[in-house]
């Protein structure tokens, strides 16, 4: 026997039967429209990240060239040691900014 088929005997049963009969309303979704300033800011940040990623790719190319020429020039290892940590810091900074957007 379901709650709808039987008559509630107590006030608590009546409340429970009423609650079972009511459909559960779906929560309303809030649609937040970005403001023009927010859109411009987001676009500027994205463009800056793209530029930084291009710089990172250039540094990666330099590092590869330095590795390939390491046998020829002893000074290349020092340059590689300077550029590699800078590239890692740049990549980490870009990743942190991109994670926020």
PDB file of N, CA and C in Angstrom:
ATOM      1  N   UNK A   1       0.845  -1.172   0.000  1.00  0.00           N
ATOM      2  CA  UNK A   1       0.000   0.000   0.000  1.00  0.00           C
ATOM      3  C   UNK A   1       0.889   1.233   0.000  1.00  0.00           C
ATOM      4  N   UNK A   2       0.627   2.173  -0.860  1.00  0.00           N
ATOM      5  CA  UNK A   2       1.436   3.390  -0.931  1.00  0.00           C
ATOM      6  C   UNK A   2       0.811   4.473  -0.078  1.00  0.00           C
ATOM      7  N   UNK A   3       1.546   5.562   0.095  1.00  0.00           N
ATOM      8  CA  UNK A   3       1.059   6.678   0.915  1.00  0.00           C
ATOM      9  C   UNK A   3      -0.193   7.294   0.316  1.00  0.00           C
ATOM     10  N   UNK A   4      -0.335   7.243  -0.979  1.00  0.00           N
ATOM     11  CA  UNK A   4      -1.523   7.820  -1.615  1.00  0.00           C
ATOM     12  C   UNK A   4      -2.751   6.936  -1.448  1.00  0.00           C
ATOM     13  N   UNK A   5      -2.559   5.641  -1.282  1.00  0.00           N
ATOM     14  CA  UNK A   5      -3.692   4.723  -1.182  1.00  0.00           C
ATOM     15  C   UNK A   5      -4.266   4.672   0.221  1.00  0.00           C
ATOM     16  N   UNK A   6      -3.469   4.959   1.217  1.00  0.00           N
ATOM     17  CA  UNK A   6      -3.997   4.898   2.588  1.00  0.00           C
ATOM     18  C   UNK A   6      -4.223   6.295   3.129  1.00  0.00           C
ATOM     19  N   UNK A   7      -5.074   6.392   4.093  1.00  0.00           N
ATOM     20  CA  UNK A   7      -5.379   7.668   4.728  1.00  0.00           C
ATOM     21  C   UNK A   7      -4.430   7.865   5.903  1.00  0.00           C
ATOM     22  N   UNK A   8      -3.857   9.046   6.050  1.00  0.00           N
ATOM     23  CA  UNK A   8      -2.974   9.294   7.188  1.00  0.00           C
ATOM     24  C   UNK A   8      -3.750   9.252   8.494  1.00  0.00           C
ATOM     25  N   UNK A   9      -3.147   8.645   9.493  1.00  0.00           N
ATOM     26  CA  UNK A   9      -3.819   8.507  10.786  1.00  0.00           C
ATOM     27  C   UNK A   9      -3.387   9.580  11.771  1.00  0.00           C
ATOM     28  N   UNK A  10      -2.161  10.064  11.614  1.00  0.00           N
ATOM     29  CA  UNK A  10      -1.676  11.090  12.546  1.00  0.00           C
ATOM     30  C   UNK A  10      -1.248  12.316  11.756  1.00  0.00           C
ATOM     31  N   UNK A  11      -0.980  13.393  12.471  1.00  0.00           N
ATOM     32  CA  UNK A  11      -0.531  14.619  11.823  1.00  0.00           C
ATOM     33  C   UNK A  11       0.826  14.410  11.153  1.00  0.00           C
ATOM     34  N   UNK A  12       1.692  13.620  11.780  1.00  0.00           N
ATOM     35  CA  UNK A  12       3.012  13.345  11.203  1.00  0.00           C
ATOM     36  C   UNK A  12       2.869  12.566   9.902  1.00  0.00           C
ATOM     37  N   UNK A  13       1.962  11.604   9.880  1.00  0.00           N
ATOM     38  CA  UNK A  13       1.735  10.836   8.653  1.00  0.00           C
ATOM     39  C   UNK A  13       1.139  11.715   7.566  1.00  0.00           C
ATOM     40  N   UNK A  14       0.287  12.669   7.953  1.00  0.00           N
ATOM     41  CA  UNK A  14      -0.308  13.578   6.978  1.00  0.00           C
ATOM     42  C   UNK A  14       0.773  14.467   6.344  1.00  0.00           C
ATOM     43  N   UNK A  15       1.702  14.964   7.185  1.00  0.00           N
ATOM     44  CA  UNK A  15       2.789  15.780   6.651  1.00  0.00           C
ATOM     45  C   UNK A  15       3.668  14.955   5.719  1.00  0.00           C
ATOM     46  N   UNK A  16       3.949  13.736   6.113  1.00  0.00           N
ATOM     47  CA  UNK A  16       4.789  12.867   5.298  1.00  0.00           C
ATOM     48  C   UNK A  16       4.111  12.556   3.959  1.00  0.00           C
ATOM     49  N   UNK A  17       2.812  12.302   3.987  1.00  0.00           N
ATOM     50  CA  UNK A  17       2.083  12.015   2.753  1.00  0.00           C
ATOM     51  C   UNK A  17       2.065  13.246   1.849  1.00  0.00           C
ATOM     52  N   UNK A  18       1.943  14.430   2.439  1.00  0.00           N
ATOM     53  CA  UNK A  18       1.945  15.658   1.656  1.00  0.00           C
ATOM     54  C   UNK A  18       3.304  15.874   1.001  1.00  0.00           C
ATOM     55  N   UNK A  19       4.366  15.580   1.744  1.00  0.00           N
ATOM     56  CA  UNK A  19       5.707  15.753   1.211  1.00  0.00           C
ATOM     57  C   UNK A  19       5.976  14.774   0.067  1.00  0.00           C
ATOM     58  N   UNK A  20       5.443  13.565   0.157  1.00  0.00           N
ATOM     59  CA  UNK A  20       5.648  12.578  -0.890  1.00  0.00           C
ATOM     60  C   UNK A  20       4.907  12.958  -2.171  1.00  0.00           C
ATOM     61  N   UNK A  21       3.786  13.643  -2.038  1.00  0.00           N
ATOM     62  CA  UNK A  21       2.986  14.011  -3.200  1.00  0.00           C
ATOM     63  C   UNK A  21       3.581  15.186  -3.984  1.00  0.00           C
ATOM     64  N   UNK A  22       4.368  16.015  -3.316  1.00  0.00           N
ATOM     65  CA  UNK A  22       4.908  17.196  -3.972  1.00  0.00           C
ATOM     66  C   UNK A  22       6.109  16.803  -4.844  1.00  0.00           C
ATOM     67  N   UNK A  23       6.109  17.268  -6.077  1.00  0.00           N
ATOM     68  CA  UNK A  23       7.292  16.999  -6.900  1.00  0.00           C
ATOM     69  C   UNK A  23       8.463  17.836  -6.421  1.00  0.00           C
ATOM     70  N   UNK A  24       9.613  17.295  -6.565  1.00  0.00           N
ATOM     71  CA  UNK A  24      10.812  18.013  -6.152  1.00  0.00           C
ATOM     72  C   UNK A  24      11.156  19.008  -7.240  1.00  0.00           C
ATOM     73  N   UNK A  25      11.214  20.247  -6.845  1.00  0.00           N
ATOM     74  CA  UNK A  25      11.517  21.310  -7.812  1.00  0.00           C
ATOM     75  C   UNK A  25      13.008  21.313  -8.110  1.00  0.00           C
ATOM     76  N   UNK A  26      13.323  21.490  -9.362  1.00  0.00           N
ATOM     77  CA  UNK A  26      14.719  21.562  -9.743  1.00  0.00           C
ATOM     78  C   UNK A  26      15.237  22.953  -9.403  1.00  0.00           C
ATOM     79  N   UNK A  27      16.456  23.018  -8.902  1.00  0.00           N
ATOM     80  CA  UNK A  27      17.000  24.335  -8.555  1.00  0.00           C
ATOM     81  C   UNK A  27      17.202  25.176  -9.807  1.00  0.00           C
ATOM     82  N   UNK A  28      16.936  26.431  -9.672  1.00  0.00           N
ATOM     83  CA  UNK A  28      17.105  27.347 -10.801  1.00  0.00           C
ATOM     84  C   UNK A  28      18.592  27.601 -10.995  1.00  0.00           C
ATOM     85  N   UNK A  29      19.029  27.552 -12.230  1.00  0.00           N
ATOM     86  CA  UNK A  29      20.428  27.819 -12.534  1.00  0.00           C
ATOM     87  C   UNK A  29      20.607  29.313 -12.744  1.00  0.00           C
ATOM     88  N   UNK A  30      21.596  29.839 -12.083  1.00  0.00           N
ATOM     89  CA  UNK A  30      21.888  31.255 -12.230  1.00  0.00           C
ATOM     90  C   UNK A  30      22.803  31.431 -13.429  1.00  0.00           C
ATOM     91  N   UNK A  31      22.387  32.225 -14.337  1.00  0.00           N
ATOM     92  CA  UNK A  31      23.211  32.512 -15.500  1.00  0.00           C
ATOM     93  C   UNK A  31      23.836  33.882 -15.286  1.00  0.00           C
ATOM     94  N   UNK A  32      25.135  33.863 -15.170  1.00  0.00           N
ATOM     95  CA  UNK A  32      25.853  35.104 -14.962  1.00  0.00           C
ATOM     96  C   UNK A  32      26.474  35.497 -16.292  1.00  0.00           C
ATOM     97  N   UNK A  33      26.033  36.618 -16.782  1.00  0.00           N
ATOM     98  CA  UNK A  33      26.575  37.098 -18.044  1.00  0.00           C
ATOM     99  C   UNK A  33      27.815  37.930 -17.756  1.00  0.00           C
ATOM    100  N   UNK A  34      28.902  37.597 -18.444  1.00  0.00           N
ATOM    101  CA  UNK A  34      30.117  38.369 -18.202  1.00  0.00           C
ATOM    102  C   UNK A  34      29.965  39.797 -18.697  1.00  0.00           C
ATOM    103  N   UNK A  35      30.528  40.704 -17.939  1.00  0.00           N
ATOM    104  CA  UNK A  35      30.488  42.101 -18.329  1.00  0.00           C
ATOM    105  C   UNK A  35      31.524  42.334 -19.433  1.00  0.00           C
ATOM    106  N   UNK A  36      31.350  43.386 -20.218  1.00  0.00           N
ATOM    107  CA  UNK A  36      32.345  43.663 -21.271  1.00  0.00           C
ATOM    108  C   UNK A  36      33.763  43.824 -20.717  1.00  0.00           C
ATOM    109  N   UNK A  37      33.877  44.438 -19.537  1.00  0.00           N
ATOM    110  CA  UNK A  37      35.203  44.599 -18.929  1.00  0.00           C
ATOM    111  C   UNK A  37      35.812  43.248 -18.578  1.00  0.00           C
ATOM    112  N   UNK A  38      34.985  42.341 -18.049  1.00  0.00           N
ATOM    113  CA  UNK A  38      35.476  41.010 -17.691  1.00  0.00           C
ATOM    114  C   UNK A  38      35.892  40.237 -18.931  1.00  0.00           C
ATOM    115  N   UNK A  39      35.128  40.382 -20.004  1.00  0.00           N
ATOM    116  CA  UNK A  39      35.480  39.700 -21.249  1.00  0.00           C
ATOM    117  C   UNK A  39      36.796  40.222 -21.799  1.00  0.00           C
ATOM    118  N   UNK A  40      36.973  41.547 -21.779  1.00  0.00           N
ATOM    119  CA  UNK A  40      38.221  42.136 -22.265  1.00  0.00           C
ATOM    120  C   UNK A  40      39.396  41.702 -21.413  1.00  0.00           C
ATOM    121  N   UNK A  41      39.190  41.670 -20.100  1.00  0.00           N
ATOM    122  CA  UNK A  41      40.251  41.247 -19.190  1.00  0.00           C
ATOM    123  C   UNK A  41      40.623  39.789 -19.450  1.00  0.00           C
ATOM    124  N   UNK A  42      39.613  38.953 -19.605  1.00  0.00           N
ATOM    125  CA  UNK A  42      39.866  37.532 -19.874  1.00  0.00           C
ATOM    126  C   UNK A  42      40.609  37.366 -21.198  1.00  0.00           C
ATOM    127  N   UNK A  43      40.209  38.115 -22.209  1.00  0.00           N
ATOM    128  CA  UNK A  43      40.863  38.033 -23.515  1.00  0.00           C
ATOM    129  C   UNK A  43      42.312  38.516 -23.431  1.00  0.00           C
ATOM    130  N   UNK A  44      42.551  39.586 -22.688  1.00  0.00           N
ATOM    131  CA  UNK A  44      43.912  40.101 -22.533  1.00  0.00           C
ATOM    132  C   UNK A  44      44.800  39.094 -21.812  1.00  0.00           C
ATOM    133  N   UNK A  45      44.256  38.456 -20.800  1.00  0.00           N
ATOM    134  CA  UNK A  45      45.020  37.444 -20.065  1.00  0.00           C
ATOM    135  C   UNK A  45      45.332  36.267 -20.975  1.00  0.00           C
ATOM    136  N   UNK A  46      44.354  35.847 -21.769  1.00  0.00           N
ATOM    137  CA  UNK A  46      44.565  34.725 -22.677  1.00  0.00           C
ATOM    138  C   UNK A  46      45.627  35.064 -23.724  1.00  0.00           C
ATOM    139  N   UNK A  47      45.590  36.271 -24.273  1.00  0.00           N
ATOM    140  CA  UNK A  47      46.597  36.691 -25.249  1.00  0.00           C
ATOM    141  C   UNK A  47      47.986  36.733 -24.621  1.00  0.00           C
ATOM    142  N   UNK A  48      48.067  37.217 -23.400  1.00  0.00           N
ATOM    143  CA  UNK A  48      49.355  37.266 -22.706  1.00  0.00           C
ATOM    144  C   UNK A  48      49.899  35.864 -22.471  1.00  0.00           C
ATOM    145  N   UNK A  49      49.020  34.951 -22.081  1.00  0.00           N
ATOM    146  CA  UNK A  49      49.446  33.560 -21.879  1.00  0.00           C
ATOM    147  C   UNK A  49      49.937  32.952 -23.191  1.00  0.00           C
ATOM    148  N   UNK A  50      49.245  33.241 -24.281  1.00  0.00           N
ATOM    149  CA  UNK A  50      49.679  32.739 -25.589  1.00  0.00           C
ATOM    150  C   UNK A  50      51.070  33.265 -25.941  1.00  0.00           C
ATOM    151  N   UNK A  51      51.307  34.548 -25.687  1.00  0.00           N
ATOM    152  CA  UNK A  51      52.621  35.134 -25.968  1.00  0.00           C
ATOM    153  C   UNK A  51      53.699  34.483 -25.100  1.00  0.00           C
ATOM    154  N   UNK A  52      53.383  34.279 -23.832  1.00  0.00           N
ATOM    155  CA  UNK A  52      54.353  33.648 -22.931  1.00  0.00           C
ATOM    156  C   UNK A  52      54.638  32.206 -23.342  1.00  0.00           C
ATOM    157  N   UNK A  53      53.633  31.518 -23.838  1.00  0.00           N
ATOM    158  CA  UNK A  53      53.854  30.152 -24.308  1.00  0.00           C
ATOM    159  C   UNK A  53      54.738  30.138 -25.554  1.00  0.00           C
ATOM    160  N   UNK A  54      54.608  31.146 -26.413  1.00  0.00           N
ATOM    161  CA  UNK A  54      55.493  31.247 -27.580  1.00  0.00           C
ATOM    162  C   UNK A  54      56.940  31.507 -27.130  1.00  0.00           C
ATOM    163  N   UNK A  55      57.115  32.343 -26.122  1.00  0.00           N
ATOM    164  CA  UNK A  55      58.449  32.585 -25.572  1.00  0.00           C
ATOM    165  C   UNK A  55      59.008  31.299 -24.992  1.00  0.00           C
ATOM    166  N   UNK A  56      58.152  30.553 -24.293  1.00  0.00           N
ATOM    167  CA  UNK A  56      58.571  29.277 -23.712  1.00  0.00           C
ATOM    168  C   UNK A  56      59.016  28.304 -24.803  1.00  0.00           C
ATOM    169  N   UNK A  57      58.279  28.276 -25.910  1.00  0.00           N
ATOM    170  CA  UNK A  57      58.656  27.400 -27.019  1.00  0.00           C
ATOM    171  C   UNK A  57      59.998  27.829 -27.603  1.00  0.00           C
ATOM    172  N   UNK A  58      60.231  29.138 -27.692  1.00  0.00           N
ATOM    173  CA  UNK A  58      61.529  29.629 -28.166  1.00  0.00           C
ATOM    174  C   UNK A  58      62.659  29.225 -27.240  1.00  0.00           C
ATOM    175  N   UNK A  59      62.419  29.340 -25.936  1.00  0.00           N
ATOM    176  CA  UNK A  59      63.435  28.905 -24.968  1.00  0.00           C
ATOM    177  C   UNK A  59      63.704  27.414 -25.087  1.00  0.00           C
ATOM    178  N   UNK A  60      62.655  26.646 -25.301  1.00  0.00           N
ATOM    179  CA  UNK A  60      62.814  25.199 -25.465  1.00  0.00           C
ATOM    180  C   UNK A  60      63.700  24.899 -26.679  1.00  0.00           C
ATOM    181  N   UNK A  61      63.502  25.637 -27.763  1.00  0.00           N
ATOM    182  CA  UNK A  61      64.331  25.460 -28.959  1.00  0.00           C
ATOM    183  C   UNK A  61      65.791  25.789 -28.661  1.00  0.00           C
ATOM    184  N   UNK A  62      66.031  26.887 -27.945  1.00  0.00           N
ATOM    185  CA  UNK A  62      67.401  27.241 -27.569  1.00  0.00           C
ATOM    186  C   UNK A  62      68.044  26.163 -26.707  1.00  0.00           C
ATOM    187  N   UNK A  63      67.280  25.635 -25.777  1.00  0.00           N
ATOM    188  CA  UNK A  63      67.808  24.588 -24.903  1.00  0.00           C
ATOM    189  C   UNK A  63      68.180  23.339 -25.708  1.00  0.00           C
ATOM    190  N   UNK A  64      67.362  23.000 -26.675  1.00  0.00           N
ATOM    191  CA  UNK A  64      67.657  21.836 -27.521  1.00  0.00           C
ATOM    192  C   UNK A  64      68.929  22.082 -28.327  1.00  0.00           C
ATOM    193  N   UNK A  65      69.057  23.287 -28.902  1.00  0.00           N
ATOM    194  CA  UNK A  65      70.273  23.617 -29.655  1.00  0.00           C
ATOM    195  C   UNK A  65      71.510  23.562 -28.764  1.00  0.00           C
ATOM    196  N   UNK A  66      71.379  24.062 -27.550  1.00  0.00           N
ATOM    197  CA  UNK A  66      72.518  24.028 -26.629  1.00  0.00           C
ATOM    198  C   UNK A  66      72.902  22.596 -26.280  1.00  0.00           C
ATOM    199  N   UNK A  67      71.907  21.730 -26.127  1.00  0.00           N
ATOM    200  CA  UNK A  67      72.200  20.318 -25.841  1.00  0.00           C
ATOM    201  C   UNK A  67      72.900  19.654 -27.019  1.00  0.00           C
ATOM    202  N   UNK A  68      72.449  19.985 -28.228  1.00  0.00           N
ATOM    203  CA  UNK A  68      73.062  19.392 -29.417  1.00  0.00           C
ATOM    204  C   UNK A  68      74.504  19.861 -29.608  1.00  0.00           C
ATOM    205  N   UNK A  69      74.798  21.094 -29.213  1.00  0.00           N
ATOM    206  CA  UNK A  69      76.136  21.643 -29.390  1.00  0.00           C
ATOM    207  C   UNK A  69      76.980  21.538 -28.127  1.00  0.00           C
ATOM    208  N   UNK A  70      76.512  20.843 -27.125  1.00  0.00           N
ATOM    209  CA  UNK A  70      77.222  20.769 -25.844  1.00  0.00           C
ATOM    210  C   UNK A  70      78.623  20.180 -26.001  1.00  0.00           C
ATOM    211  N   UNK A  71      78.784  19.231 -26.916  1.00  0.00           N
ATOM    212  CA  UNK A  71      80.101  18.636 -27.105  1.00  0.00           C
ATOM    213  C   UNK A  71      81.080  19.581 -27.752  1.00  0.00           C
ATOM    214  N   UNK A  72      80.578  20.505 -28.563  1.00  0.00           N
ATOM    215  CA  UNK A  72      81.465  21.423 -29.276  1.00  0.00           C
ATOM    216  C   UNK A  72      81.950  22.574 -28.405  1.00  0.00           C
ATOM    217  N   UNK A  73      81.100  23.113 -27.585  1.00  0.00           N
ATOM    218  CA  UNK A  73      81.442  24.299 -26.785  1.00  0.00           C
ATOM    219  C   UNK A  73      81.181  24.022 -25.306  1.00  0.00           C
ATOM    220  N   UNK A  74      82.195  24.194 -24.517  1.00  0.00           N
ATOM    221  CA  UNK A  74      82.062  23.949 -23.075  1.00  0.00           C
ATOM    222  C   UNK A  74      81.187  25.010 -22.415  1.00  0.00           C
ATOM    223  N   UNK A  75      81.134  26.225 -22.967  1.00  0.00           N
ATOM    224  CA  UNK A  75      80.358  27.312 -22.380  1.00  0.00           C
ATOM    225  C   UNK A  75      78.856  27.125 -22.514  1.00  0.00           C
ATOM    226  N   UNK A  76      78.425  26.255 -23.424  1.00  0.00           N
ATOM    227  CA  UNK A  76      76.994  26.047 -23.636  1.00  0.00           C
ATOM    228  C   UNK A  76      76.299  25.430 -22.422  1.00  0.00           C
ATOM    229  N   UNK A  77      77.028  24.632 -21.658  1.00  0.00           N
ATOM    230  CA  UNK A  77      76.390  24.000 -20.494  1.00  0.00           C
ATOM    231  C   UNK A  77      76.013  25.041 -19.448  1.00  0.00           C
ATOM    232  N   UNK A  78      76.838  26.083 -19.307  1.00  0.00           N
ATOM    233  CA  UNK A  78      76.512  27.152 -18.363  1.00  0.00           C
ATOM    234  C   UNK A  78      75.295  27.937 -18.809  1.00  0.00           C
ATOM    235  N   UNK A  79      75.203  28.202 -20.106  1.00  0.00           N
ATOM    236  CA  UNK A  79      74.041  28.904 -20.648  1.00  0.00           C
ATOM    237  C   UNK A  79      72.780  28.060 -20.494  1.00  0.00           C
ATOM    238  N   UNK A  80      72.921  26.768 -20.722  1.00  0.00           N
ATOM    239  CA  UNK A  80      71.799  25.847 -20.550  1.00  0.00           C
ATOM    240  C   UNK A  80      71.346  25.841 -19.090  1.00  0.00           C
ATOM    241  N   UNK A  81      72.311  25.838 -18.177  1.00  0.00           N
ATOM    242  CA  UNK A  81      71.995  25.839 -16.748  1.00  0.00           C
ATOM    243  C   UNK A  81      71.275  27.114 -16.323  1.00  0.00           C
ATOM    244  N   UNK A  82      71.523  28.220 -17.009  1.00  0.00           N
ATOM    245  CA  UNK A  82      70.820  29.473 -16.703  1.00  0.00           C
ATOM    246  C   UNK A  82      69.415  29.496 -17.299  1.00  0.00           C
ATOM    247  N   UNK A  83      69.280  29.023 -18.523  1.00  0.00           N
ATOM    248  CA  UNK A  83      67.995  29.123 -19.225  1.00  0.00           C
ATOM    249  C   UNK A  83      66.972  28.081 -18.776  1.00  0.00           C
ATOM    250  N   UNK A  84      67.401  26.891 -18.443  1.00  0.00           N
ATOM    251  CA  UNK A  84      66.461  25.810 -18.090  1.00  0.00           C
ATOM    252  C   UNK A  84      65.577  26.173 -16.889  1.00  0.00           C
ATOM    253  N   UNK A  85      66.155  26.679 -15.775  1.00  0.00           N
ATOM    254  CA  UNK A  85      65.282  27.058 -14.649  1.00  0.00           C
ATOM    255  C   UNK A  85      64.346  28.223 -14.979  1.00  0.00           C
ATOM    256  N   UNK A  86      64.835  29.165 -15.804  1.00  0.00           N
ATOM    257  CA  UNK A  86      63.974  30.285 -16.192  1.00  0.00           C
ATOM    258  C   UNK A  86      62.773  29.797 -16.998  1.00  0.00           C
ATOM    259  N   UNK A  87      63.005  28.848 -17.890  1.00  0.00           N
ATOM    260  CA  UNK A  87      61.911  28.284 -18.680  1.00  0.00           C
ATOM    261  C   UNK A  87      60.915  27.563 -17.773  1.00  0.00           C
ATOM    262  N   UNK A  88      61.417  26.821 -16.810  1.00  0.00           N
ATOM    263  CA  UNK A  88      60.516  26.126 -15.870  1.00  0.00           C
ATOM    264  C   UNK A  88      59.678  27.116 -15.078  1.00  0.00           C
ATOM    265  N   UNK A  89      60.275  28.192 -14.610  1.00  0.00           N
ATOM    266  CA  UNK A  89      59.524  29.205 -13.862  1.00  0.00           C
ATOM    267  C   UNK A  89      58.474  29.865 -14.740  1.00  0.00           C
ATOM    268  N   UNK A  90      58.835  30.152 -15.985  1.00  0.00           N
ATOM    269  CA  UNK A  90      57.886  30.747 -16.926  1.00  0.00           C
ATOM    270  C   UNK A  90      56.713  29.813 -17.164  1.00  0.00           C
ATOM    271  N   UNK A  91      56.989  28.537 -17.403  1.00  0.00           N
ATOM    272  CA  UNK A  91      55.924  27.565 -17.641  1.00  0.00           C
ATOM    273  C   UNK A  91      55.007  27.407 -16.431  1.00  0.00           C
ATOM    274  N   UNK A  92      55.589  27.392 -15.240  1.00  0.00           N
ATOM    275  CA  UNK A  92      54.783  27.268 -14.026  1.00  0.00           C
ATOM    276  C   UNK A  92      53.886  28.489 -13.829  1.00  0.00           C
ATOM    277  N   UNK A  93      54.419  29.666 -14.100  1.00  0.00           N
ATOM    278  CA  UNK A  93      53.619  30.895 -13.962  1.00  0.00           C
ATOM    279  C   UNK A  93      52.463  30.902 -14.937  1.00  0.00           C
ATOM    280  N   UNK A  94      52.728  30.525 -16.183  1.00  0.00           N
ATOM    281  CA  UNK A  94      51.662  30.474 -17.191  1.00  0.00           C
ATOM    282  C   UNK A  94      50.612  29.445 -16.789  1.00  0.00           C
ATOM    283  N   UNK A  95      51.036  28.296 -16.313  1.00  0.00           N
ATOM    284  CA  UNK A  95      50.081  27.249 -15.903  1.00  0.00           C
ATOM    285  C   UNK A  95      49.206  27.723 -14.746  1.00  0.00           C
ATOM    286  N   UNK A  96      49.774  28.465 -13.802  1.00  0.00           N
ATOM    287  CA  UNK A  96      48.968  28.972 -12.682  1.00  0.00           C
ATOM    288  C   UNK A  96      47.916  29.957 -13.172  1.00  0.00           C
ATOM    289  N   UNK A  97      48.303  30.836 -14.085  1.00  0.00           N
ATOM    290  CA  UNK A  97      47.341  31.826 -14.602  1.00  0.00           C
ATOM    291  C   UNK A  97      46.261  31.124 -15.413  1.00  0.00           C
ATOM    292  N   UNK A  98      46.645  30.168 -16.256  1.00  0.00           N
ATOM    293  CA  UNK A  98      45.655  29.465 -17.063  1.00  0.00           C
ATOM    294  C   UNK A  98      44.709  28.627 -16.203  1.00  0.00           C
ATOM    295  N   UNK A  99      45.192  28.113 -15.092  1.00  0.00           N
ATOM    296  CA  UNK A  99      44.328  27.314 -14.207  1.00  0.00           C
ATOM    297  C   UNK A  99      43.219  28.164 -13.587  1.00  0.00           C
ATOM    298  N   UNK A 100      43.446  29.464 -13.473  1.00  0.00           N
ATOM    299  CA  UNK A 100      42.430  30.343 -12.897  1.00  0.00           C
ATOM    300  C   UNK A 100      41.355  30.699 -13.914  1.00  0.00           C
ATOM    301  N   UNK A 101      41.622  30.445 -15.186  1.00  0.00           N
ATOM    302  CA  UNK A 101      40.660  30.787 -16.231  1.00  0.00           C
ATOM    303  C   UNK A 101      40.301  29.568 -16.962  1.00  0.00           C
TER     304      UNK A 101
END
